[in-house]
């Protein structure tokens, strides 16, 4: 793609330079120089990274995962923060820190990913019922076996990379190393992370957060898709190819060697009336 074709594609997607920086990994300043004409001959790696982010696709790293029911490539429009009273001084996306994150209003939820702030929309009833079910099932297993793992649900801060540029709020986390649990949240990678997809978060969860979980050392990650009624389970200690389960199956928790299985049929029986409303 030429620079002009990239600019046209970016406009079609409705992305800002900040969003493209978050998706491509190319620094915001570099993107501004390339698209502004200040850099006449950008490096090949820069061009390749921009092309990879801008080409039509479902997911760069996980092509079968991204649900077709959600908008292709997703839109971060729902995740843009609103700057107003009580927010930190305006900065370019990509420059925010955890200090800015803690200065945000308490009545709204945000995530900070590599210096970019994302506003989190209120979850749906289906989302919350699945979340509550998972916390109960996982928590009951820990209690029954007198384990030391801790099961926590959003909103809960996870300082995943142990730096000052990223603070995530996974839907469910299981932390078995108690020294990672601090008063304000978790410091470092949880053992198990669960993300429940929604139209406003699916692109971010699969394109950005999932590889960050893997790279940070999360042992297991579940992506729950309420639209397709399936679960993609990444057992990172066994490889990067996910196992796919329907809501009619049991999903093994491999951080506990499969001794715990979550039967999604149970939760679907409780929430299927919400699907029937449609």
C-alpha atoms as a PDB file:
ATOM      1  CA  UNK A   1       0.000   0.000   0.000  1.00  0.00           C
ATOM      2  CA  UNK A   2       1.160   3.513  -0.739  1.00  0.00           C
ATOM      3  CA  UNK A   3       1.054   6.203   1.942  1.00  0.00           C
ATOM      4  CA  UNK A   4      -1.973   7.744   0.242  1.00  0.00           C
ATOM      5  CA  UNK A   5      -3.735   4.367   0.170  1.00  0.00           C
ATOM      6  CA  UNK A   6      -2.997   3.951   3.870  1.00  0.00           C
ATOM      7  CA  UNK A   7      -4.415   7.375   4.653  1.00  0.00           C
ATOM      8  CA  UNK A   8      -7.548   6.558   2.654  1.00  0.00           C
ATOM      9  CA  UNK A   9      -7.959   3.205   4.397  1.00  0.00           C
ATOM     10  CA  UNK A  10      -7.518   4.826   7.822  1.00  0.00           C
ATOM     11  CA  UNK A  11     -10.218   7.343   6.959  1.00  0.00           C
ATOM     12  CA  UNK A  12     -12.571   4.570   5.814  1.00  0.00           C
ATOM     13  CA  UNK A  13     -12.113   2.783   9.136  1.00  0.00           C
ATOM     14  CA  UNK A  14     -12.647   5.984  11.074  1.00  0.00           C
ATOM     15  CA  UNK A  15      -9.428   5.515  13.027  1.00  0.00           C
ATOM     16  CA  UNK A  16      -7.422   8.300  14.558  1.00  0.00           C
ATOM     17  CA  UNK A  17      -3.622   8.279  14.451  1.00  0.00           C
ATOM     18  CA  UNK A  18      -3.732   7.246  18.108  1.00  0.00           C
ATOM     19  CA  UNK A  19      -5.882   4.200  17.330  1.00  0.00           C
ATOM     20  CA  UNK A  20      -3.608   3.191  14.467  1.00  0.00           C
ATOM     21  CA  UNK A  21      -0.595   3.498  16.765  1.00  0.00           C
ATOM     22  CA  UNK A  22      -2.263   1.219  19.316  1.00  0.00           C
ATOM     23  CA  UNK A  23      -3.130  -1.378  16.668  1.00  0.00           C
ATOM     24  CA  UNK A  24       0.132  -1.317  14.675  1.00  0.00           C
ATOM     25  CA  UNK A  25       2.720  -0.786  17.398  1.00  0.00           C
ATOM     26  CA  UNK A  26       4.209   2.103  15.417  1.00  0.00           C
ATOM     27  CA  UNK A  27       4.899   5.140  17.647  1.00  0.00           C
ATOM     28  CA  UNK A  28       2.360   7.923  17.325  1.00  0.00           C
ATOM     29  CA  UNK A  29       5.034  10.473  16.441  1.00  0.00           C
ATOM     30  CA  UNK A  30       6.260   8.292  13.577  1.00  0.00           C
ATOM     31  CA  UNK A  31       2.741   7.930  12.170  1.00  0.00           C
ATOM     32  CA  UNK A  32       2.226  11.689  12.331  1.00  0.00           C
ATOM     33  CA  UNK A  33       5.464  12.271  10.438  1.00  0.00           C
ATOM     34  CA  UNK A  34       4.680   9.630   7.790  1.00  0.00           C
ATOM     35  CA  UNK A  35       1.137  10.825   7.094  1.00  0.00           C
ATOM     36  CA  UNK A  36       2.096  14.472   7.447  1.00  0.00           C
ATOM     37  CA  UNK A  37       4.807  14.201   4.793  1.00  0.00           C
ATOM     38  CA  UNK A  38       7.694  14.977   7.142  1.00  0.00           C
ATOM     39  CA  UNK A  39       9.135  11.485   6.495  1.00  0.00           C
ATOM     40  CA  UNK A  40       9.428  10.986   2.739  1.00  0.00           C
ATOM     41  CA  UNK A  41      10.896   7.478   2.894  1.00  0.00           C
ATOM     42  CA  UNK A  42       9.686   5.615   6.021  1.00  0.00           C
ATOM     43  CA  UNK A  43      11.480   2.456   7.079  1.00  0.00           C
ATOM     44  CA  UNK A  44      10.297  -0.825   5.593  1.00  0.00           C
ATOM     45  CA  UNK A  45       9.340  -2.231   9.011  1.00  0.00           C
ATOM     46  CA  UNK A  46       7.206   0.833   9.676  1.00  0.00           C
ATOM     47  CA  UNK A  47       5.370   0.456   6.370  1.00  0.00           C
ATOM     48  CA  UNK A  48       4.830  -3.280   6.926  1.00  0.00           C
ATOM     49  CA  UNK A  49       3.422  -2.708  10.408  1.00  0.00           C
ATOM     50  CA  UNK A  50       1.027  -0.048   9.151  1.00  0.00           C
ATOM     51  CA  UNK A  51      -0.071  -2.222   6.240  1.00  0.00           C
ATOM     52  CA  UNK A  52      -0.700  -5.186   8.544  1.00  0.00           C
ATOM     53  CA  UNK A  53      -2.942  -3.069  10.757  1.00  0.00           C
ATOM     54  CA  UNK A  54      -4.840  -1.411   7.905  1.00  0.00           C
ATOM     55  CA  UNK A  55      -5.464  -4.341   5.575  1.00  0.00           C
ATOM     56  CA  UNK A  56      -8.987  -5.817   5.744  1.00  0.00           C
ATOM     57  CA  UNK A  57      -8.983  -8.714   8.165  1.00  0.00           C
ATOM     58  CA  UNK A  58     -10.649 -10.168  11.201  1.00  0.00           C
ATOM     59  CA  UNK A  59      -7.605 -10.617  13.451  1.00  0.00           C
ATOM     60  CA  UNK A  60      -3.913 -10.364  12.669  1.00  0.00           C
ATOM     61  CA  UNK A  61      -2.805 -13.025  15.135  1.00  0.00           C
ATOM     62  CA  UNK A  62      -5.974 -15.077  15.500  1.00  0.00           C
ATOM     63  CA  UNK A  63      -7.857 -15.129  12.174  1.00  0.00           C
ATOM     64  CA  UNK A  64     -10.547 -17.630  13.238  1.00  0.00           C
ATOM     65  CA  UNK A  65     -11.309 -15.983  16.537  1.00  0.00           C
ATOM     66  CA  UNK A  66     -12.746 -12.613  15.683  1.00  0.00           C
ATOM     67  CA  UNK A  67     -16.547 -12.975  15.430  1.00  0.00           C
ATOM     68  CA  UNK A  68     -18.072 -12.101  12.077  1.00  0.00           C
ATOM     69  CA  UNK A  69     -21.143 -10.735  13.872  1.00  0.00           C
ATOM     70  CA  UNK A  70     -19.087  -7.861  15.214  1.00  0.00           C
ATOM     71  CA  UNK A  71     -17.955  -5.020  12.906  1.00  0.00           C
ATOM     72  CA  UNK A  72     -14.894  -6.029  10.883  1.00  0.00           C
ATOM     73  CA  UNK A  73     -11.757  -4.945  12.658  1.00  0.00           C
ATOM     74  CA  UNK A  74     -13.905  -3.331  15.326  1.00  0.00           C
ATOM     75  CA  UNK A  75     -14.175   0.329  16.080  1.00  0.00           C
ATOM     76  CA  UNK A  76     -12.567   2.038  19.013  1.00  0.00           C
ATOM     77  CA  UNK A  77     -15.130   4.829  18.876  1.00  0.00           C
ATOM     78  CA  UNK A  78     -16.918   3.305  21.884  1.00  0.00           C
ATOM     79  CA  UNK A  79     -13.638   3.258  23.802  1.00  0.00           C
ATOM     80  CA  UNK A  80     -12.565   6.857  23.453  1.00  0.00           C
ATOM     81  CA  UNK A  81     -12.318   8.707  26.748  1.00  0.00           C
ATOM     82  CA  UNK A  82     -14.360  11.846  27.325  1.00  0.00           C
ATOM     83  CA  UNK A  83     -12.187  14.667  28.595  1.00  0.00           C
ATOM     84  CA  UNK A  84     -13.958  16.907  31.046  1.00  0.00           C
ATOM     85  CA  UNK A  85     -14.140  17.878  34.673  1.00  0.00           C
ATOM     86  CA  UNK A  86     -12.026  15.632  36.862  1.00  0.00           C
ATOM     87  CA  UNK A  87      -9.997  14.115  34.027  1.00  0.00           C
ATOM     88  CA  UNK A  88      -6.221  14.530  33.806  1.00  0.00           C
ATOM     89  CA  UNK A  89      -4.718  17.189  31.534  1.00  0.00           C
ATOM     90  CA  UNK A  90      -5.210  16.296  27.882  1.00  0.00           C
ATOM     91  CA  UNK A  91      -2.324  14.420  26.334  1.00  0.00           C
ATOM     92  CA  UNK A  92      -1.890  12.627  23.043  1.00  0.00           C
ATOM     93  CA  UNK A  93      -3.147   9.063  23.159  1.00  0.00           C
ATOM     94  CA  UNK A  94      -0.099   6.900  23.798  1.00  0.00           C
ATOM     95  CA  UNK A  95       1.319   9.323  26.377  1.00  0.00           C
ATOM     96  CA  UNK A  96      -0.939   8.566  29.350  1.00  0.00           C
ATOM     97  CA  UNK A  97       0.472   6.964  32.489  1.00  0.00           C
ATOM     98  CA  UNK A  98      -0.877   5.159  35.531  1.00  0.00           C
ATOM     99  CA  UNK A  99      -0.737   8.469  37.402  1.00  0.00           C
ATOM    100  CA  UNK A 100      -3.241   9.842  34.868  1.00  0.00           C
ATOM    101  CA  UNK A 101      -5.294   6.665  35.161  1.00  0.00           C
ATOM    102  CA  UNK A 102      -5.644   7.058  38.929  1.00  0.00           C
ATOM    103  CA  UNK A 103      -6.699  10.685  38.426  1.00  0.00           C
ATOM    104  CA  UNK A 104      -9.749   9.682  36.360  1.00  0.00           C
ATOM    105  CA  UNK A 105     -13.265  10.009  37.831  1.00  0.00           C
ATOM    106  CA  UNK A 106     -14.344   7.078  40.000  1.00  0.00           C
ATOM    107  CA  UNK A 107     -17.782   6.882  38.392  1.00  0.00           C
ATOM    108  CA  UNK A 108     -16.424   5.707  35.019  1.00  0.00           C
ATOM    109  CA  UNK A 109     -14.341   2.705  33.989  1.00  0.00           C
ATOM    110  CA  UNK A 110     -11.254   2.926  31.802  1.00  0.00           C
ATOM    111  CA  UNK A 111      -8.395   0.741  30.649  1.00  0.00           C
ATOM    112  CA  UNK A 112      -4.882   1.999  29.950  1.00  0.00           C
ATOM    113  CA  UNK A 113      -3.005   0.063  27.262  1.00  0.00           C
ATOM    114  CA  UNK A 114       0.477   1.190  26.232  1.00  0.00           C
ATOM    115  CA  UNK A 115      -0.339   4.789  27.125  1.00  0.00           C
ATOM    116  CA  UNK A 116      -3.752   4.804  25.394  1.00  0.00           C
ATOM    117  CA  UNK A 117      -6.907   5.332  27.483  1.00  0.00           C
ATOM    118  CA  UNK A 118     -10.088   3.431  26.592  1.00  0.00           C
ATOM    119  CA  UNK A 119     -13.505   4.205  28.021  1.00  0.00           C
ATOM    120  CA  UNK A 120     -15.367   1.012  28.965  1.00  0.00           C
ATOM    121  CA  UNK A 121     -19.078   0.823  28.227  1.00  0.00           C
ATOM    122  CA  UNK A 122     -21.551  -0.626  30.728  1.00  0.00           C
ATOM    123  CA  UNK A 123     -21.809  -4.426  30.360  1.00  0.00           C
ATOM    124  CA  UNK A 124     -24.942  -6.243  29.193  1.00  0.00           C
ATOM    125  CA  UNK A 125     -27.091  -8.606  31.258  1.00  0.00           C
ATOM    126  CA  UNK A 126     -25.688 -11.614  29.376  1.00  0.00           C
ATOM    127  CA  UNK A 127     -22.156 -10.419  30.074  1.00  0.00           C
ATOM    128  CA  UNK A 128     -22.830 -10.018  33.793  1.00  0.00           C
ATOM    129  CA  UNK A 129     -24.614 -13.353  34.164  1.00  0.00           C
ATOM    130  CA  UNK A 130     -21.707 -15.194  32.532  1.00  0.00           C
ATOM    131  CA  UNK A 131     -19.233 -13.286  34.701  1.00  0.00           C
ATOM    132  CA  UNK A 132     -21.107 -14.095  37.926  1.00  0.00           C
ATOM    133  CA  UNK A 133     -21.415 -17.756  36.940  1.00  0.00           C
ATOM    134  CA  UNK A 134     -17.689 -18.079  36.272  1.00  0.00           C
ATOM    135  CA  UNK A 135     -16.707 -16.401  39.532  1.00  0.00           C
ATOM    136  CA  UNK A 136     -19.000 -18.755  41.481  1.00  0.00           C
ATOM    137  CA  UNK A 137     -17.792 -21.915  39.763  1.00  0.00           C
ATOM    138  CA  UNK A 138     -14.096 -21.072  39.952  1.00  0.00           C
ATOM    139  CA  UNK A 139     -14.399 -19.743  43.499  1.00  0.00           C
ATOM    140  CA  UNK A 140     -16.291 -22.842  44.666  1.00  0.00           C
ATOM    141  CA  UNK A 141     -13.521 -25.075  43.308  1.00  0.00           C
ATOM    142  CA  UNK A 142     -10.855 -23.119  45.170  1.00  0.00           C
ATOM    143  CA  UNK A 143     -12.863 -23.170  48.402  1.00  0.00           C
ATOM    144  CA  UNK A 144     -13.689 -26.876  48.151  1.00  0.00           C
ATOM    145  CA  UNK A 145     -10.040 -27.780  47.602  1.00  0.00           C
ATOM    146  CA  UNK A 146      -8.772 -25.288  50.206  1.00  0.00           C
ATOM    147  CA  UNK A 147      -6.621 -23.695  47.530  1.00  0.00           C
ATOM    148  CA  UNK A 148      -4.667 -20.460  47.759  1.00  0.00           C
ATOM    149  CA  UNK A 149      -5.719 -19.050  44.387  1.00  0.00           C
ATOM    150  CA  UNK A 150      -7.854 -15.912  44.401  1.00  0.00           C
ATOM    151  CA  UNK A 151     -10.776 -15.430  41.993  1.00  0.00           C
ATOM    152  CA  UNK A 152     -11.695 -11.810  41.227  1.00  0.00           C
ATOM    153  CA  UNK A 153     -14.089 -10.055  38.849  1.00  0.00           C
ATOM    154  CA  UNK A 154     -14.107  -6.703  37.084  1.00  0.00           C
ATOM    155  CA  UNK A 155     -13.810  -3.921  37.898  1.00  0.00           C
ATOM    156  CA  UNK A 156     -10.354  -4.946  39.126  1.00  0.00           C
ATOM    157  CA  UNK A 157      -7.062  -3.334  38.126  1.00  0.00           C
ATOM    158  CA  UNK A 158      -4.282  -5.514  36.700  1.00  0.00           C
ATOM    159  CA  UNK A 159      -0.938  -3.779  36.170  1.00  0.00           C
ATOM    160  CA  UNK A 160      -0.056  -6.453  33.649  1.00  0.00           C
ATOM    161  CA  UNK A 161       3.339  -5.288  32.359  1.00  0.00           C
ATOM    162  CA  UNK A 162       4.454  -3.911  35.740  1.00  0.00           C
ATOM    163  CA  UNK A 163       5.173  -0.562  34.107  1.00  0.00           C
ATOM    164  CA  UNK A 164       3.443   2.821  34.221  1.00  0.00           C
ATOM    165  CA  UNK A 165       1.732   2.608  30.800  1.00  0.00           C
ATOM    166  CA  UNK A 166      -0.729  -0.295  31.092  1.00  0.00           C
ATOM    167  CA  UNK A 167      -3.584  -1.058  33.491  1.00  0.00           C
ATOM    168  CA  UNK A 168      -6.163  -3.624  32.370  1.00  0.00           C
ATOM    169  CA  UNK A 169      -9.527  -4.691  33.741  1.00  0.00           C
ATOM    170  CA  UNK A 170     -10.104  -8.313  32.675  1.00  0.00           C
ATOM    171  CA  UNK A 171     -13.596  -9.656  33.284  1.00  0.00           C
ATOM    172  CA  UNK A 172     -12.371 -12.491  35.517  1.00  0.00           C
ATOM    173  CA  UNK A 173      -8.910 -13.271  36.870  1.00  0.00           C
ATOM    174  CA  UNK A 174      -7.483 -16.149  38.868  1.00  0.00           C
ATOM    175  CA  UNK A 175      -4.274 -15.315  40.725  1.00  0.00           C
ATOM    176  CA  UNK A 176      -2.400 -18.145  42.440  1.00  0.00           C
ATOM    177  CA  UNK A 177       0.715 -16.185  43.499  1.00  0.00           C
ATOM    178  CA  UNK A 178      -0.579 -14.049  46.350  1.00  0.00           C
ATOM    179  CA  UNK A 179       2.463 -11.795  46.272  1.00  0.00           C
ATOM    180  CA  UNK A 180       0.996 -10.378  43.029  1.00  0.00           C
ATOM    181  CA  UNK A 181      -2.106  -9.101  44.821  1.00  0.00           C
ATOM    182  CA  UNK A 182      -1.757  -5.541  46.123  1.00  0.00           C
ATOM    183  CA  UNK A 183      -4.222  -3.217  47.829  1.00  0.00           C
ATOM    184  CA  UNK A 184      -4.989  -1.386  44.552  1.00  0.00           C
ATOM    185  CA  UNK A 185      -5.046  -4.447  42.306  1.00  0.00           C
ATOM    186  CA  UNK A 186      -2.798  -7.100  40.795  1.00  0.00           C
ATOM    187  CA  UNK A 187       0.837  -6.444  39.917  1.00  0.00           C
ATOM    188  CA  UNK A 188       1.969  -8.770  37.152  1.00  0.00           C
ATOM    189  CA  UNK A 189       0.317 -11.535  35.135  1.00  0.00           C
ATOM    190  CA  UNK A 190      -2.630 -13.514  36.561  1.00  0.00           C
ATOM    191  CA  UNK A 191      -2.637 -17.267  36.038  1.00  0.00           C
ATOM    192  CA  UNK A 192      -6.022 -17.323  34.287  1.00  0.00           C
ATOM    193  CA  UNK A 193      -7.804 -14.462  32.516  1.00  0.00           C
ATOM    194  CA  UNK A 194     -11.333 -14.495  31.084  1.00  0.00           C
ATOM    195  CA  UNK A 195     -12.608 -11.886  28.624  1.00  0.00           C
ATOM    196  CA  UNK A 196     -16.310 -11.848  27.678  1.00  0.00           C
ATOM    197  CA  UNK A 197     -16.727 -10.255  24.260  1.00  0.00           C
ATOM    198  CA  UNK A 198     -19.107  -7.432  23.438  1.00  0.00           C
ATOM    199  CA  UNK A 199     -19.439  -5.336  20.265  1.00  0.00           C
ATOM    200  CA  UNK A 200     -17.601  -2.399  21.853  1.00  0.00           C
ATOM    201  CA  UNK A 201     -14.670  -4.432  23.232  1.00  0.00           C
ATOM    202  CA  UNK A 202     -14.233  -7.428  20.895  1.00  0.00           C
ATOM    203  CA  UNK A 203     -11.564  -5.834  18.694  1.00  0.00           C
ATOM    204  CA  UNK A 204      -9.551  -4.597  21.655  1.00  0.00           C
ATOM    205  CA  UNK A 205      -9.882  -7.891  23.551  1.00  0.00           C
ATOM    206  CA  UNK A 206      -8.735 -10.057  20.638  1.00  0.00           C
ATOM    207  CA  UNK A 207      -6.324  -7.814  18.739  1.00  0.00           C
ATOM    208  CA  UNK A 208      -4.565  -6.015  21.580  1.00  0.00           C
ATOM    209  CA  UNK A 209      -5.217  -7.563  24.977  1.00  0.00           C
ATOM    210  CA  UNK A 210      -4.935 -11.244  24.014  1.00  0.00           C
ATOM    211  CA  UNK A 211      -1.332 -11.023  22.701  1.00  0.00           C
ATOM    212  CA  UNK A 212      -0.434  -8.837  25.690  1.00  0.00           C
ATOM    213  CA  UNK A 213      -1.689 -11.539  28.049  1.00  0.00           C
ATOM    214  CA  UNK A 214       0.391 -14.154  26.266  1.00  0.00           C
ATOM    215  CA  UNK A 215       3.527 -12.021  26.208  1.00  0.00           C
ATOM    216  CA  UNK A 216       3.173 -11.061  29.881  1.00  0.00           C
ATOM    217  CA  UNK A 217       3.128 -14.690  31.023  1.00  0.00           C
ATOM    218  CA  UNK A 218      -0.584 -15.385  31.597  1.00  0.00           C
ATOM    219  CA  UNK A 219      -0.834 -19.165  31.674  1.00  0.00           C
ATOM    220  CA  UNK A 220      -4.390 -19.482  30.383  1.00  0.00           C
ATOM    221  CA  UNK A 221      -6.866 -17.146  28.682  1.00  0.00           C
ATOM    222  CA  UNK A 222     -10.503 -17.754  27.817  1.00  0.00           C
ATOM    223  CA  UNK A 223     -12.352 -15.652  25.260  1.00  0.00           C
ATOM    224  CA  UNK A 224     -16.088 -16.104  25.790  1.00  0.00           C
ATOM    225  CA  UNK A 225     -18.237 -15.204  22.781  1.00  0.00           C
ATOM    226  CA  UNK A 226     -21.898 -14.759  23.794  1.00  0.00           C
ATOM    227  CA  UNK A 227     -22.946 -14.185  20.166  1.00  0.00           C
ATOM    228  CA  UNK A 228     -21.643 -17.481  18.802  1.00  0.00           C
ATOM    229  CA  UNK A 229     -22.151 -19.177  22.191  1.00  0.00           C
ATOM    230  CA  UNK A 230     -18.615 -20.516  22.298  1.00  0.00           C
ATOM    231  CA  UNK A 231     -15.404 -20.294  24.277  1.00  0.00           C
ATOM    232  CA  UNK A 232     -11.900 -20.046  22.857  1.00  0.00           C
ATOM    233  CA  UNK A 233      -9.479 -21.408  25.456  1.00  0.00           C
ATOM    234  CA  UNK A 234      -5.793 -20.563  25.101  1.00  0.00           C
ATOM    235  CA  UNK A 235      -3.617 -22.893  27.155  1.00  0.00           C
ATOM    236  CA  UNK A 236      -0.420 -20.941  26.584  1.00  0.00           C
ATOM    237  CA  UNK A 237       1.789 -23.478  28.372  1.00  0.00           C
ATOM    238  CA  UNK A 238       0.803 -25.999  25.682  1.00  0.00           C
ATOM    239  CA  UNK A 239       1.061 -23.676  22.681  1.00  0.00           C
ATOM    240  CA  UNK A 240      -0.688 -20.775  20.999  1.00  0.00           C
ATOM    241  CA  UNK A 241      -3.484 -22.645  19.162  1.00  0.00           C
ATOM    242  CA  UNK A 242      -6.798 -22.279  21.006  1.00  0.00           C
ATOM    243  CA  UNK A 243      -9.280 -25.022  21.810  1.00  0.00           C
ATOM    244  CA  UNK A 244     -12.869 -24.177  20.903  1.00  0.00           C
ATOM    245  CA  UNK A 245     -15.841 -25.182  23.034  1.00  0.00           C
ATOM    246  CA  UNK A 246     -19.564 -24.581  22.575  1.00  0.00           C
ATOM    247  CA  UNK A 247     -21.932 -23.545  25.343  1.00  0.00           C
ATOM    248  CA  UNK A 248     -23.033 -27.193  25.385  1.00  0.00           C
ATOM    249  CA  UNK A 249     -19.634 -28.393  26.578  1.00  0.00           C
ATOM    250  CA  UNK A 250     -17.437 -28.359  29.660  1.00  0.00           C
ATOM    251  CA  UNK A 251     -14.265 -26.266  29.522  1.00  0.00           C
ATOM    252  CA  UNK A 252     -11.319 -27.637  31.537  1.00  0.00           C
ATOM    253  CA  UNK A 253      -9.266 -25.286  33.684  1.00  0.00           C
ATOM    254  CA  UNK A 254      -5.746 -26.342  32.762  1.00  0.00           C
ATOM    255  CA  UNK A 255      -3.954 -24.240  35.382  1.00  0.00           C
ATOM    256  CA  UNK A 256      -5.523 -26.853  37.705  1.00  0.00           C
ATOM    257  CA  UNK A 257      -4.670 -29.741  35.359  1.00  0.00           C
ATOM    258  CA  UNK A 258      -8.283 -30.098  34.236  1.00  0.00           C
ATOM    259  CA  UNK A 259      -9.502 -31.089  37.712  1.00  0.00           C
ATOM    260  CA  UNK A 260     -11.992 -28.242  37.452  1.00  0.00           C
ATOM    261  CA  UNK A 261     -14.394 -28.136  34.503  1.00  0.00           C
ATOM    262  CA  UNK A 262     -16.823 -25.308  33.829  1.00  0.00           C
ATOM    263  CA  UNK A 263     -20.095 -26.511  32.352  1.00  0.00           C
ATOM    264  CA  UNK A 264     -21.389 -23.681  30.174  1.00  0.00           C
ATOM    265  CA  UNK A 265     -24.680 -25.531  29.652  1.00  0.00           C
ATOM    266  CA  UNK A 266     -25.603 -24.496  33.182  1.00  0.00           C
ATOM    267  CA  UNK A 267     -25.186 -20.790  32.613  1.00  0.00           C
ATOM    268  CA  UNK A 268     -26.874 -20.957  29.197  1.00  0.00           C
ATOM    269  CA  UNK A 269     -29.958 -22.508  30.775  1.00  0.00           C
ATOM    270  CA  UNK A 270     -30.170 -19.457  33.039  1.00  0.00           C
ATOM    271  CA  UNK A 271     -29.667 -16.803  30.377  1.00  0.00           C
ATOM    272  CA  UNK A 272     -31.214 -18.285  27.242  1.00  0.00           C
ATOM    273  CA  UNK A 273     -34.423 -16.324  27.875  1.00  0.00           C
ATOM    274  CA  UNK A 274     -32.432 -13.201  26.968  1.00  0.00           C
ATOM    275  CA  UNK A 275     -31.599 -14.715  23.567  1.00  0.00           C
ATOM    276  CA  UNK A 276     -35.255 -15.622  23.065  1.00  0.00           C
ATOM    277  CA  UNK A 277     -36.168 -11.946  23.509  1.00  0.00           C
ATOM    278  CA  UNK A 278     -34.363 -11.230  20.241  1.00  0.00           C
END
